[in-house]
Amino acid sequence: MRRLPALVRTSLAALLLGGAAASVQAGNQQYEPLAASVQAALHAAVADQAPLDPSFQRSPERARWLAEMSQRLAKRIPDETARSELLRAVHYEATRAGLDPQLVLGLIQVESGFKKYALSPVGARGYMQVMPFWARLIGNQETNLFHMRTNLRFGCTILRHYLDIEKGDLFRALGRYNGSLGKAEYPNMVRAAWERNWGYPPLRLASNP
């Protein structure tokens, strides 16, 4: 899978709390003070608005993936064009962040039920239920967390960030994403959604230059 640039990934893993004030609860995800280098790396990760990978048009394997996922998602998103757009974006953003697209689909199912404008009682927004403090920390004043690609970019970057902090431990990373670190309910829900509804043989993707 294509990963974030090495410099960005290294910086993401370098979360420093060093003497800062204790974390405070901010809805589902927790606000944690970030070292300036980490904040800059996360900002760079979400700011890169490269066009979507066009390879679905030339890769039979990716086309099969898209057709299969579209069929599974049809009851939740009846409009075929909207489904295709979302699935292409999920695949691109997940792969870019070094995540399994199927995992991200499971997380979206649990977080928002695939509702683009989902808004939680504590203010988490969009498909991946990103808390607004992330827009202030690593976005800019024009960041719209209801915009599809922006929401997916932030959500995948945040989950990758938590995976790096937890040295690849998905259970703990999902707990951080939900603000329930150490509790099994949320990670188990995401894994169940992933395995029951979105399981798929891993794609053999060519490495991007």
N, C-alpha and C. Protein backbone atom coordinates (compact mmCIF):
# COMPACT_ATOMS: atom_id res chain seq x y z
N MET A 1 0.82 -1.19 0.00
CA MET A 1 0.00 0.00 0.00
C MET A 1 0.87 1.25 0.00
N ARG A 2 0.37 2.31 -0.63
CA ARG A 2 1.10 3.55 -0.61
C ARG A 2 0.97 4.19 0.76
N ARG A 3 2.08 4.63 1.31
CA ARG A 3 2.09 5.25 2.63
C ARG A 3 2.27 6.74 2.50
N LEU A 4 2.04 7.46 3.61
CA LEU A 4 2.38 8.86 3.65
C LEU A 4 3.88 9.00 3.47
N PRO A 5 4.35 10.15 2.97
CA PRO A 5 5.78 10.35 2.82
C PRO A 5 6.51 10.05 4.11
N ALA A 6 7.74 9.52 3.97
CA ALA A 6 8.50 9.06 5.14
C ALA A 6 8.66 10.15 6.18
N LEU A 7 8.93 11.39 5.75
CA LEU A 7 9.11 12.48 6.71
C LEU A 7 7.85 12.73 7.51
N VAL A 8 6.71 12.68 6.81
CA VAL A 8 5.44 12.89 7.50
C VAL A 8 5.17 11.76 8.48
N ARG A 9 5.41 10.49 8.03
CA ARG A 9 5.15 9.36 8.91
C ARG A 9 6.05 9.39 10.13
N THR A 10 7.30 9.80 9.95
CA THR A 10 8.22 9.88 11.09
C THR A 10 7.74 10.92 12.08
N SER A 11 7.28 12.05 11.56
CA SER A 11 6.82 13.12 12.44
C SER A 11 5.54 12.73 13.16
N LEU A 12 4.66 12.00 12.45
CA LEU A 12 3.42 11.59 13.08
C LEU A 12 3.69 10.71 14.30
N ALA A 13 4.73 9.90 14.19
CA ALA A 13 5.03 8.98 15.29
C ALA A 13 5.70 9.68 16.46
N ALA A 14 6.04 10.96 16.28
CA ALA A 14 6.83 11.65 17.30
C ALA A 14 5.98 12.49 18.23
N LEU A 15 4.79 12.06 18.54
CA LEU A 15 3.92 12.80 19.45
C LEU A 15 4.63 13.05 20.78
N LEU A 16 4.68 14.31 21.20
CA LEU A 16 5.35 14.66 22.44
C LEU A 16 4.38 15.38 23.35
N LEU A 17 4.23 14.88 24.55
CA LEU A 17 3.39 15.56 25.52
C LEU A 17 4.25 16.39 26.46
N GLY A 18 5.53 16.09 26.48
CA GLY A 18 6.52 16.72 27.30
C GLY A 18 6.06 17.70 28.33
N GLY A 19 5.55 17.72 29.39
CA GLY A 19 5.26 18.79 30.32
C GLY A 19 4.03 19.59 30.00
N ALA A 20 3.31 19.26 28.92
CA ALA A 20 2.13 20.04 28.60
C ALA A 20 1.01 19.67 29.55
N ALA A 21 -0.03 20.48 29.52
CA ALA A 21 -1.17 20.22 30.41
C ALA A 21 -1.79 18.89 30.08
N ALA A 22 -2.43 18.27 31.05
CA ALA A 22 -3.05 16.96 30.85
C ALA A 22 -4.13 17.05 29.79
N SER A 23 -4.34 15.94 29.08
CA SER A 23 -5.36 15.90 28.03
C SER A 23 -6.73 16.19 28.62
N VAL A 24 -7.56 16.82 27.80
CA VAL A 24 -8.93 17.06 28.22
C VAL A 24 -9.85 16.36 27.24
N GLN A 25 -10.99 15.94 27.72
CA GLN A 25 -11.94 15.23 26.87
C GLN A 25 -12.63 16.20 25.94
N ALA A 26 -12.67 15.87 24.64
CA ALA A 26 -13.35 16.72 23.65
C ALA A 26 -14.25 15.83 22.82
N GLY A 27 -15.32 15.36 23.42
CA GLY A 27 -16.24 14.52 22.70
C GLY A 27 -15.67 13.14 22.49
N ASN A 28 -15.88 12.58 21.29
CA ASN A 28 -15.45 11.22 21.02
C ASN A 28 -13.93 11.09 20.99
N GLN A 29 -13.28 11.94 20.19
CA GLN A 29 -11.82 11.94 20.15
C GLN A 29 -11.32 12.88 21.23
N GLN A 30 -10.14 12.60 21.73
CA GLN A 30 -9.56 13.43 22.78
C GLN A 30 -8.57 14.40 22.20
N TYR A 31 -8.63 15.64 22.69
CA TYR A 31 -7.60 16.61 22.34
C TYR A 31 -6.34 16.29 23.13
N GLU A 32 -5.22 16.23 22.45
CA GLU A 32 -3.93 16.03 23.10
C GLU A 32 -2.98 17.09 22.58
N PRO A 33 -2.26 17.77 23.47
CA PRO A 33 -1.28 18.75 23.00
C PRO A 33 -0.28 18.10 22.05
N LEU A 34 0.04 18.78 20.96
CA LEU A 34 0.95 18.24 19.96
C LEU A 34 2.23 19.05 19.92
N ALA A 35 3.35 18.36 19.76
CA ALA A 35 4.59 19.07 19.49
C ALA A 35 4.45 19.81 18.17
N ALA A 36 5.18 20.91 18.03
CA ALA A 36 5.07 21.73 16.81
C ALA A 36 5.40 20.90 15.56
N SER A 37 6.38 20.00 15.65
CA SER A 37 6.76 19.20 14.49
C SER A 37 5.64 18.24 14.08
N VAL A 38 4.94 17.70 15.07
CA VAL A 38 3.84 16.79 14.79
C VAL A 38 2.67 17.56 14.18
N GLN A 39 2.37 18.70 14.74
CA GLN A 39 1.29 19.54 14.22
C GLN A 39 1.57 19.92 12.77
N ALA A 40 2.81 20.28 12.47
CA ALA A 40 3.18 20.65 11.11
C ALA A 40 3.05 19.46 10.16
N ALA A 41 3.45 18.28 10.63
CA ALA A 41 3.37 17.09 9.78
C ALA A 41 1.92 16.72 9.49
N LEU A 42 1.07 16.79 10.50
CA LEU A 42 -0.34 16.49 10.30
C LEU A 42 -0.98 17.52 9.36
N HIS A 43 -0.60 18.77 9.54
CA HIS A 43 -1.13 19.82 8.64
C HIS A 43 -0.72 19.52 7.20
N ALA A 44 0.54 19.14 6.99
CA ALA A 44 1.01 18.83 5.64
C ALA A 44 0.25 17.64 5.07
N ALA A 45 -0.05 16.67 5.92
CA ALA A 45 -0.74 15.47 5.46
C ALA A 45 -2.14 15.77 4.97
N VAL A 46 -2.86 16.66 5.65
CA VAL A 46 -4.24 16.95 5.24
C VAL A 46 -4.31 18.02 4.16
N ALA A 47 -3.21 18.79 3.99
CA ALA A 47 -3.25 19.90 3.03
C ALA A 47 -2.99 19.45 1.60
N ASP A 48 -2.39 18.29 1.42
CA ASP A 48 -2.04 17.80 0.09
C ASP A 48 -3.28 17.30 -0.63
N GLN A 49 -3.84 18.11 -1.49
CA GLN A 49 -5.07 17.74 -2.19
C GLN A 49 -4.76 17.22 -3.60
N ALA A 50 -4.01 16.14 -3.66
CA ALA A 50 -3.70 15.52 -4.95
C ALA A 50 -4.99 14.96 -5.57
N PRO A 51 -5.06 14.92 -6.89
CA PRO A 51 -6.26 14.34 -7.53
C PRO A 51 -6.37 12.86 -7.21
N LEU A 52 -7.58 12.34 -7.27
CA LEU A 52 -7.79 10.92 -7.02
C LEU A 52 -7.04 10.08 -8.03
N ASP A 53 -6.58 8.93 -7.59
CA ASP A 53 -5.86 8.00 -8.44
C ASP A 53 -6.78 7.55 -9.58
N PRO A 54 -6.38 7.77 -10.84
CA PRO A 54 -7.25 7.41 -11.96
C PRO A 54 -7.18 5.93 -12.34
N SER A 55 -6.44 5.12 -11.58
CA SER A 55 -6.16 3.75 -12.02
C SER A 55 -7.38 2.85 -12.04
N PHE A 56 -8.52 3.25 -11.46
CA PHE A 56 -9.72 2.41 -11.54
C PHE A 56 -10.13 2.22 -13.00
N GLN A 57 -9.81 3.20 -13.83
CA GLN A 57 -10.19 3.09 -15.24
C GLN A 57 -9.31 2.08 -15.99
N ARG A 58 -8.12 1.79 -15.47
CA ARG A 58 -7.22 0.91 -16.22
C ARG A 58 -6.85 -0.37 -15.47
N SER A 59 -7.40 -0.57 -14.29
CA SER A 59 -7.07 -1.75 -13.51
C SER A 59 -8.31 -2.62 -13.34
N PRO A 60 -8.36 -3.79 -13.98
CA PRO A 60 -9.51 -4.69 -13.80
C PRO A 60 -9.73 -5.08 -12.35
N GLU A 61 -8.64 -5.24 -11.60
CA GLU A 61 -8.77 -5.65 -10.21
C GLU A 61 -9.44 -4.56 -9.37
N ARG A 62 -9.00 -3.33 -9.59
CA ARG A 62 -9.64 -2.24 -8.85
C ARG A 62 -11.08 -2.03 -9.30
N ALA A 63 -11.34 -2.24 -10.58
CA ALA A 63 -12.71 -2.13 -11.08
C ALA A 63 -13.61 -3.17 -10.42
N ARG A 64 -13.10 -4.40 -10.24
CA ARG A 64 -13.88 -5.43 -9.55
C ARG A 64 -14.14 -5.04 -8.10
N TRP A 65 -13.12 -4.49 -7.45
CA TRP A 65 -13.31 -4.03 -6.06
C TRP A 65 -14.42 -2.98 -6.01
N LEU A 66 -14.35 -2.02 -6.90
CA LEU A 66 -15.34 -0.94 -6.91
C LEU A 66 -16.74 -1.49 -7.15
N ALA A 67 -16.89 -2.41 -8.08
CA ALA A 67 -18.20 -2.99 -8.38
C ALA A 67 -18.74 -3.76 -7.18
N GLU A 68 -17.87 -4.53 -6.52
CA GLU A 68 -18.30 -5.32 -5.37
C GLU A 68 -18.71 -4.43 -4.21
N MET A 69 -17.88 -3.43 -3.90
CA MET A 69 -18.20 -2.54 -2.78
C MET A 69 -19.44 -1.69 -3.08
N SER A 70 -19.60 -1.31 -4.33
CA SER A 70 -20.77 -0.52 -4.71
C SER A 70 -22.05 -1.33 -4.50
N GLN A 71 -22.01 -2.60 -4.84
CA GLN A 71 -23.17 -3.47 -4.64
C GLN A 71 -23.52 -3.57 -3.16
N ARG A 72 -22.50 -3.73 -2.32
CA ARG A 72 -22.75 -3.85 -0.89
C ARG A 72 -23.28 -2.56 -0.27
N LEU A 73 -22.89 -1.43 -0.85
CA LEU A 73 -23.26 -0.14 -0.28
C LEU A 73 -24.58 0.40 -0.84
N ALA A 74 -25.15 -0.30 -1.83
CA ALA A 74 -26.30 0.23 -2.57
C ALA A 74 -27.49 0.55 -1.67
N LYS A 75 -27.77 -0.27 -0.66
CA LYS A 75 -28.93 -0.01 0.19
C LYS A 75 -28.74 1.25 1.03
N ARG A 76 -27.50 1.55 1.36
CA ARG A 76 -27.23 2.73 2.19
C ARG A 76 -27.13 4.00 1.37
N ILE A 77 -26.57 3.89 0.15
CA ILE A 77 -26.44 5.04 -0.74
C ILE A 77 -26.99 4.62 -2.10
N PRO A 78 -28.27 4.86 -2.37
CA PRO A 78 -28.89 4.36 -3.60
C PRO A 78 -28.30 4.97 -4.88
N ASP A 79 -27.84 6.20 -4.81
CA ASP A 79 -27.33 6.86 -6.01
C ASP A 79 -25.97 6.28 -6.42
N GLU A 80 -25.92 5.70 -7.61
CA GLU A 80 -24.70 5.00 -8.05
C GLU A 80 -23.52 5.94 -8.19
N THR A 81 -23.76 7.14 -8.71
CA THR A 81 -22.66 8.10 -8.87
C THR A 81 -22.08 8.50 -7.52
N ALA A 82 -22.95 8.75 -6.55
CA ALA A 82 -22.49 9.13 -5.21
C ALA A 82 -21.72 7.99 -4.57
N ARG A 83 -22.20 6.75 -4.74
CA ARG A 83 -21.49 5.58 -4.19
C ARG A 83 -20.09 5.47 -4.78
N SER A 84 -20.02 5.57 -6.09
CA SER A 84 -18.73 5.43 -6.75
C SER A 84 -17.76 6.51 -6.30
N GLU A 85 -18.25 7.73 -6.20
CA GLU A 85 -17.39 8.83 -5.77
C GLU A 85 -16.86 8.60 -4.36
N LEU A 86 -17.74 8.18 -3.46
CA LEU A 86 -17.32 7.92 -2.09
C LEU A 86 -16.32 6.77 -2.02
N LEU A 87 -16.61 5.67 -2.72
CA LEU A 87 -15.73 4.51 -2.65
C LEU A 87 -14.35 4.80 -3.23
N ARG A 88 -14.31 5.52 -4.32
CA ARG A 88 -13.01 5.90 -4.89
C ARG A 88 -12.21 6.75 -3.91
N ALA A 89 -12.91 7.68 -3.26
CA ALA A 89 -12.23 8.55 -2.30
C ALA A 89 -11.77 7.77 -1.08
N VAL A 90 -12.61 6.85 -0.57
CA VAL A 90 -12.21 6.02 0.57
C VAL A 90 -10.97 5.21 0.21
N HIS A 91 -11.00 4.59 -0.96
CA HIS A 91 -9.86 3.77 -1.36
C HIS A 91 -8.59 4.62 -1.45
N TYR A 92 -8.70 5.78 -2.06
CA TYR A 92 -7.52 6.63 -2.24
C TYR A 92 -6.98 7.11 -0.89
N GLU A 93 -7.86 7.66 -0.04
CA GLU A 93 -7.39 8.23 1.22
C GLU A 93 -6.88 7.16 2.18
N ALA A 94 -7.56 6.01 2.21
CA ALA A 94 -7.10 4.93 3.08
C ALA A 94 -5.74 4.42 2.62
N THR A 95 -5.61 4.15 1.32
CA THR A 95 -4.35 3.63 0.80
C THR A 95 -3.23 4.63 1.00
N ARG A 96 -3.50 5.88 0.78
CA ARG A 96 -2.51 6.94 0.96
C ARG A 96 -1.98 6.96 2.39
N ALA A 97 -2.88 6.70 3.35
CA ALA A 97 -2.49 6.72 4.77
C ALA A 97 -1.97 5.38 5.26
N GLY A 98 -1.88 4.39 4.37
CA GLY A 98 -1.40 3.08 4.78
C GLY A 98 -2.43 2.28 5.55
N LEU A 99 -3.70 2.51 5.28
CA LEU A 99 -4.79 1.81 5.94
C LEU A 99 -5.49 0.88 4.96
N ASP A 100 -6.13 -0.16 5.48
CA ASP A 100 -6.96 -1.05 4.66
C ASP A 100 -8.27 -0.32 4.36
N PRO A 101 -8.62 -0.13 3.08
CA PRO A 101 -9.90 0.53 2.77
C PRO A 101 -11.10 -0.17 3.41
N GLN A 102 -11.00 -1.50 3.60
CA GLN A 102 -12.11 -2.22 4.21
C GLN A 102 -12.28 -1.82 5.68
N LEU A 103 -11.17 -1.61 6.36
CA LEU A 103 -11.23 -1.12 7.74
C LEU A 103 -11.91 0.24 7.79
N VAL A 104 -11.55 1.12 6.88
CA VAL A 104 -12.14 2.46 6.87
C VAL A 104 -13.64 2.38 6.59
N LEU A 105 -14.06 1.51 5.70
CA LEU A 105 -15.49 1.34 5.45
C LEU A 105 -16.21 0.86 6.72
N GLY A 106 -15.59 -0.08 7.46
CA GLY A 106 -16.18 -0.53 8.71
C GLY A 106 -16.29 0.58 9.73
N LEU A 107 -15.25 1.42 9.81
CA LEU A 107 -15.27 2.54 10.74
C LEU A 107 -16.36 3.54 10.37
N ILE A 108 -16.49 3.84 9.08
CA ILE A 108 -17.54 4.77 8.64
C ILE A 108 -18.92 4.23 8.97
N GLN A 109 -19.12 2.93 8.76
CA GLN A 109 -20.41 2.33 9.09
C GLN A 109 -20.77 2.55 10.55
N VAL A 110 -19.80 2.32 11.44
CA VAL A 110 -20.05 2.47 12.88
C VAL A 110 -20.21 3.94 13.24
N GLU A 111 -19.37 4.80 12.68
CA GLU A 111 -19.35 6.20 13.08
C GLU A 111 -20.57 6.97 12.58
N SER A 112 -20.92 6.81 11.32
CA SER A 112 -21.95 7.68 10.74
C SER A 112 -23.02 6.95 9.95
N GLY A 113 -22.88 5.64 9.76
CA GLY A 113 -23.84 4.94 8.92
C GLY A 113 -23.83 5.45 7.49
N PHE A 114 -22.67 5.95 7.04
CA PHE A 114 -22.50 6.48 5.68
C PHE A 114 -23.35 7.71 5.41
N LYS A 115 -23.58 8.51 6.43
CA LYS A 115 -24.31 9.76 6.27
C LYS A 115 -23.31 10.91 6.19
N LYS A 116 -23.29 11.56 5.05
CA LYS A 116 -22.30 12.62 4.80
C LYS A 116 -22.39 13.75 5.80
N TYR A 117 -23.62 14.12 6.20
CA TYR A 117 -23.80 15.27 7.08
C TYR A 117 -24.13 14.85 8.51
N ALA A 118 -23.69 13.67 8.89
CA ALA A 118 -23.90 13.22 10.27
C ALA A 118 -23.25 14.20 11.25
N LEU A 119 -23.95 14.50 12.31
CA LEU A 119 -23.46 15.42 13.34
C LEU A 119 -23.80 14.83 14.70
N SER A 120 -22.78 14.54 15.49
CA SER A 120 -23.01 13.92 16.80
C SER A 120 -23.40 14.98 17.82
N PRO A 121 -23.96 14.57 18.96
CA PRO A 121 -24.33 15.54 20.00
C PRO A 121 -23.15 16.37 20.50
N VAL A 122 -21.93 15.85 20.35
CA VAL A 122 -20.76 16.60 20.82
C VAL A 122 -20.05 17.31 19.67
N GLY A 123 -20.64 17.29 18.48
CA GLY A 123 -20.10 18.08 17.38
C GLY A 123 -19.24 17.35 16.37
N ALA A 124 -19.03 16.03 16.52
CA ALA A 124 -18.25 15.29 15.54
C ALA A 124 -18.99 15.29 14.20
N ARG A 125 -18.25 15.39 13.10
CA ARG A 125 -18.88 15.68 11.82
C ARG A 125 -18.52 14.70 10.71
N GLY A 126 -19.51 14.46 9.85
CA GLY A 126 -19.27 13.78 8.60
C GLY A 126 -19.11 12.28 8.69
N TYR A 127 -18.69 11.70 7.57
CA TYR A 127 -18.57 10.25 7.44
C TYR A 127 -17.75 9.63 8.56
N MET A 128 -16.59 10.23 8.87
CA MET A 128 -15.69 9.65 9.85
C MET A 128 -15.77 10.35 11.20
N GLN A 129 -16.78 11.21 11.37
CA GLN A 129 -17.07 11.85 12.66
C GLN A 129 -15.81 12.49 13.26
N VAL A 130 -15.28 13.44 12.53
CA VAL A 130 -14.08 14.16 12.94
C VAL A 130 -14.48 15.33 13.84
N MET A 131 -13.80 15.46 14.96
CA MET A 131 -14.11 16.55 15.88
C MET A 131 -13.56 17.87 15.35
N PRO A 132 -14.29 18.98 15.57
CA PRO A 132 -13.86 20.28 15.04
C PRO A 132 -12.51 20.76 15.53
N PHE A 133 -12.05 20.30 16.69
CA PHE A 133 -10.76 20.79 17.16
C PHE A 133 -9.63 20.40 16.20
N TRP A 134 -9.82 19.30 15.44
CA TRP A 134 -8.80 18.91 14.48
C TRP A 134 -8.67 19.94 13.36
N ALA A 135 -9.78 20.54 12.96
CA ALA A 135 -9.72 21.58 11.92
C ALA A 135 -8.92 22.77 12.43
N ARG A 136 -9.09 23.11 13.69
CA ARG A 136 -8.34 24.23 14.25
C ARG A 136 -6.87 23.90 14.41
N LEU A 137 -6.58 22.65 14.78
CA LEU A 137 -5.20 22.24 15.04
C LEU A 137 -4.38 22.10 13.76
N ILE A 138 -4.95 21.42 12.76
CA ILE A 138 -4.13 21.05 11.60
C ILE A 138 -4.75 21.50 10.27
N GLY A 139 -5.90 22.15 10.32
CA GLY A 139 -6.52 22.65 9.11
C GLY A 139 -6.32 24.14 8.97
N ASN A 140 -7.33 24.81 8.47
CA ASN A 140 -7.31 26.26 8.39
C ASN A 140 -8.73 26.78 8.51
N GLN A 141 -8.90 28.08 8.43
CA GLN A 141 -10.22 28.66 8.69
C GLN A 141 -11.25 28.27 7.64
N GLU A 142 -10.81 27.74 6.51
CA GLU A 142 -11.74 27.33 5.45
C GLU A 142 -12.04 25.84 5.48
N THR A 143 -11.47 25.10 6.42
CA THR A 143 -11.69 23.66 6.48
C THR A 143 -13.16 23.34 6.72
N ASN A 144 -13.74 22.53 5.85
CA ASN A 144 -15.14 22.11 5.98
C ASN A 144 -15.16 20.60 6.19
N LEU A 145 -15.42 20.19 7.40
CA LEU A 145 -15.39 18.76 7.74
C LEU A 145 -16.57 17.99 7.17
N PHE A 146 -17.54 18.67 6.56
CA PHE A 146 -18.62 17.97 5.88
C PHE A 146 -18.28 17.72 4.41
N HIS A 147 -17.22 18.31 3.91
CA HIS A 147 -16.77 18.04 2.55
C HIS A 147 -16.21 16.63 2.50
N MET A 148 -16.64 15.84 1.52
CA MET A 148 -16.34 14.42 1.52
C MET A 148 -14.85 14.13 1.62
N ARG A 149 -14.07 14.63 0.68
CA ARG A 149 -12.64 14.30 0.68
C ARG A 149 -11.92 14.90 1.88
N THR A 150 -12.33 16.07 2.31
CA THR A 150 -11.71 16.67 3.50
C THR A 150 -11.96 15.79 4.71
N ASN A 151 -13.20 15.33 4.87
CA ASN A 151 -13.53 14.49 6.02
C ASN A 151 -12.74 13.19 5.98
N LEU A 152 -12.69 12.55 4.82
CA LEU A 152 -11.95 11.30 4.71
C LEU A 152 -10.46 11.52 4.90
N ARG A 153 -9.93 12.62 4.36
CA ARG A 153 -8.51 12.91 4.53
C ARG A 153 -8.17 13.09 6.01
N PHE A 154 -8.97 13.88 6.71
CA PHE A 154 -8.72 14.08 8.14
C PHE A 154 -8.87 12.77 8.90
N GLY A 155 -9.97 12.05 8.66
CA GLY A 155 -10.22 10.83 9.41
C GLY A 155 -9.12 9.79 9.23
N CYS A 156 -8.69 9.58 7.99
CA CYS A 156 -7.64 8.60 7.73
C CYS A 156 -6.31 9.05 8.30
N THR A 157 -6.02 10.34 8.21
CA THR A 157 -4.77 10.86 8.77
C THR A 157 -4.74 10.72 10.28
N ILE A 158 -5.88 10.99 10.92
CA ILE A 158 -5.96 10.87 12.38
C ILE A 158 -5.80 9.42 12.81
N LEU A 159 -6.47 8.50 12.12
CA LEU A 159 -6.34 7.09 12.49
C LEU A 159 -4.91 6.60 12.27
N ARG A 160 -4.28 7.02 11.17
CA ARG A 160 -2.88 6.66 10.94
C ARG A 160 -1.98 7.21 12.05
N HIS A 161 -2.26 8.42 12.46
CA HIS A 161 -1.54 9.07 13.55
C HIS A 161 -1.64 8.24 14.83
N TYR A 162 -2.85 7.79 15.15
CA TYR A 162 -3.05 6.98 16.35
C TYR A 162 -2.38 5.61 16.22
N LEU A 163 -2.41 5.03 15.03
CA LEU A 163 -1.72 3.76 14.83
C LEU A 163 -0.21 3.91 15.04
N ASP A 164 0.34 5.01 14.58
CA ASP A 164 1.77 5.24 14.78
C ASP A 164 2.10 5.41 16.26
N ILE A 165 1.26 6.15 16.98
CA ILE A 165 1.48 6.32 18.41
C ILE A 165 1.45 4.97 19.12
N GLU A 166 0.51 4.11 18.70
CA GLU A 166 0.32 2.81 19.36
C GLU A 166 1.14 1.70 18.70
N LYS A 167 2.11 2.09 17.85
CA LYS A 167 3.02 1.11 17.24
C LYS A 167 2.28 -0.01 16.50
N GLY A 168 1.22 0.37 15.80
CA GLY A 168 0.48 -0.58 14.98
C GLY A 168 -0.61 -1.36 15.69
N ASP A 169 -0.84 -1.08 16.95
CA ASP A 169 -1.88 -1.79 17.71
C ASP A 169 -3.24 -1.21 17.34
N LEU A 170 -3.98 -1.93 16.49
CA LEU A 170 -5.26 -1.41 15.98
C LEU A 170 -6.29 -1.26 17.08
N PHE A 171 -6.33 -2.20 18.02
CA PHE A 171 -7.29 -2.13 19.13
C PHE A 171 -7.13 -0.80 19.87
N ARG A 172 -5.92 -0.45 20.22
CA ARG A 172 -5.67 0.78 20.97
C ARG A 172 -5.86 2.02 20.09
N ALA A 173 -5.47 1.91 18.82
CA ALA A 173 -5.64 3.05 17.92
C ALA A 173 -7.12 3.38 17.74
N LEU A 174 -7.96 2.36 17.58
CA LEU A 174 -9.40 2.60 17.45
C LEU A 174 -9.97 3.16 18.75
N GLY A 175 -9.45 2.72 19.88
CA GLY A 175 -9.89 3.28 21.15
C GLY A 175 -9.57 4.76 21.23
N ARG A 176 -8.39 5.14 20.77
CA ARG A 176 -8.05 6.56 20.76
C ARG A 176 -8.97 7.33 19.82
N TYR A 177 -9.25 6.74 18.66
CA TYR A 177 -10.09 7.43 17.68
C TYR A 177 -11.47 7.74 18.27
N ASN A 178 -11.97 6.83 19.06
CA ASN A 178 -13.29 6.98 19.65
C ASN A 178 -13.26 7.64 21.02
N GLY A 179 -12.09 7.90 21.56
CA GLY A 179 -12.00 8.45 22.91
C GLY A 179 -12.33 7.44 23.98
N SER A 180 -12.12 6.16 23.69
CA SER A 180 -12.45 5.11 24.67
C SER A 180 -11.27 4.14 24.81
N LEU A 181 -10.07 4.68 24.87
CA LEU A 181 -8.86 3.88 24.93
C LEU A 181 -8.92 2.85 26.05
N GLY A 182 -8.65 1.60 25.70
CA GLY A 182 -8.63 0.52 26.69
C GLY A 182 -9.94 -0.22 26.83
N LYS A 183 -11.02 0.30 26.23
CA LYS A 183 -12.32 -0.36 26.29
C LYS A 183 -12.57 -1.11 24.99
N ALA A 184 -13.20 -2.26 25.09
CA ALA A 184 -13.32 -3.16 23.94
C ALA A 184 -14.51 -2.87 23.03
N GLU A 185 -15.53 -2.20 23.52
CA GLU A 185 -16.78 -2.10 22.77
C GLU A 185 -16.59 -1.49 21.39
N TYR A 186 -15.97 -0.33 21.31
CA TYR A 186 -15.85 0.34 20.02
C TYR A 186 -14.93 -0.41 19.06
N PRO A 187 -13.71 -0.78 19.45
CA PRO A 187 -12.88 -1.56 18.52
C PRO A 187 -13.57 -2.83 18.04
N ASN A 188 -14.31 -3.49 18.91
CA ASN A 188 -15.01 -4.71 18.50
C ASN A 188 -16.12 -4.42 17.50
N MET A 189 -16.81 -3.30 17.67
CA MET A 189 -17.86 -2.90 16.73
C MET A 189 -17.28 -2.64 15.35
N VAL A 190 -16.17 -1.92 15.30
CA VAL A 190 -15.55 -1.61 14.01
C VAL A 190 -15.05 -2.88 13.34
N ARG A 191 -14.40 -3.74 14.10
CA ARG A 191 -13.90 -4.99 13.52
C ARG A 191 -15.06 -5.86 13.02
N ALA A 192 -16.14 -5.92 13.77
CA ALA A 192 -17.29 -6.72 13.34
C ALA A 192 -17.88 -6.18 12.05
N ALA A 193 -18.03 -4.86 11.96
CA ALA A 193 -18.56 -4.25 10.73
C ALA A 193 -17.63 -4.52 9.56
N TRP A 194 -16.36 -4.37 9.79
CA TRP A 194 -15.34 -4.62 8.77
C TRP A 194 -15.42 -6.05 8.26
N GLU A 195 -15.43 -7.02 9.16
CA GLU A 195 -15.37 -8.42 8.76
C GLU A 195 -16.69 -8.93 8.19
N ARG A 196 -17.81 -8.47 8.74
CA ARG A 196 -19.12 -8.98 8.28
C ARG A 196 -19.56 -8.36 6.97
N ASN A 197 -19.28 -7.08 6.79
CA ASN A 197 -19.85 -6.35 5.66
C ASN A 197 -18.86 -5.93 4.59
N TRP A 198 -17.58 -5.80 4.93
CA TRP A 198 -16.64 -5.22 3.99
C TRP A 198 -15.40 -6.08 3.73
N GLY A 199 -15.38 -7.30 4.26
CA GLY A 199 -14.25 -8.17 4.02
C GLY A 199 -14.03 -8.38 2.52
N TYR A 200 -12.77 -8.37 2.12
CA TYR A 200 -12.45 -8.52 0.70
C TYR A 200 -10.99 -8.94 0.59
N PRO A 201 -10.65 -9.83 -0.35
CA PRO A 201 -9.23 -10.20 -0.50
C PRO A 201 -8.39 -8.94 -0.72
N PRO A 202 -7.23 -8.86 -0.09
CA PRO A 202 -6.41 -7.66 -0.26
C PRO A 202 -6.03 -7.44 -1.70
N LEU A 203 -6.04 -6.19 -2.13
CA LEU A 203 -5.66 -5.88 -3.50
C LEU A 203 -4.15 -5.96 -3.66
N ARG A 204 -3.72 -6.50 -4.78
CA ARG A 204 -2.29 -6.52 -5.09
C ARG A 204 -2.00 -5.26 -5.89
N LEU A 205 -1.63 -4.21 -5.17
CA LEU A 205 -1.47 -2.91 -5.79
C LEU A 205 -0.01 -2.67 -6.17
N ALA A 206 0.17 -2.16 -7.35
CA ALA A 206 1.54 -1.79 -7.75
C ALA A 206 1.98 -0.58 -6.94
N SER A 207 3.24 -0.56 -6.57
CA SER A 207 3.77 0.57 -5.80
C SER A 207 3.82 1.80 -6.71
N ASN A 208 3.40 2.93 -6.15
CA ASN A 208 3.48 4.18 -6.89
C ASN A 208 4.91 4.71 -6.83
N PRO A 209 5.41 5.27 -7.91
CA PRO A 209 6.79 5.78 -7.90
C PRO A 209 6.90 6.97 -6.98
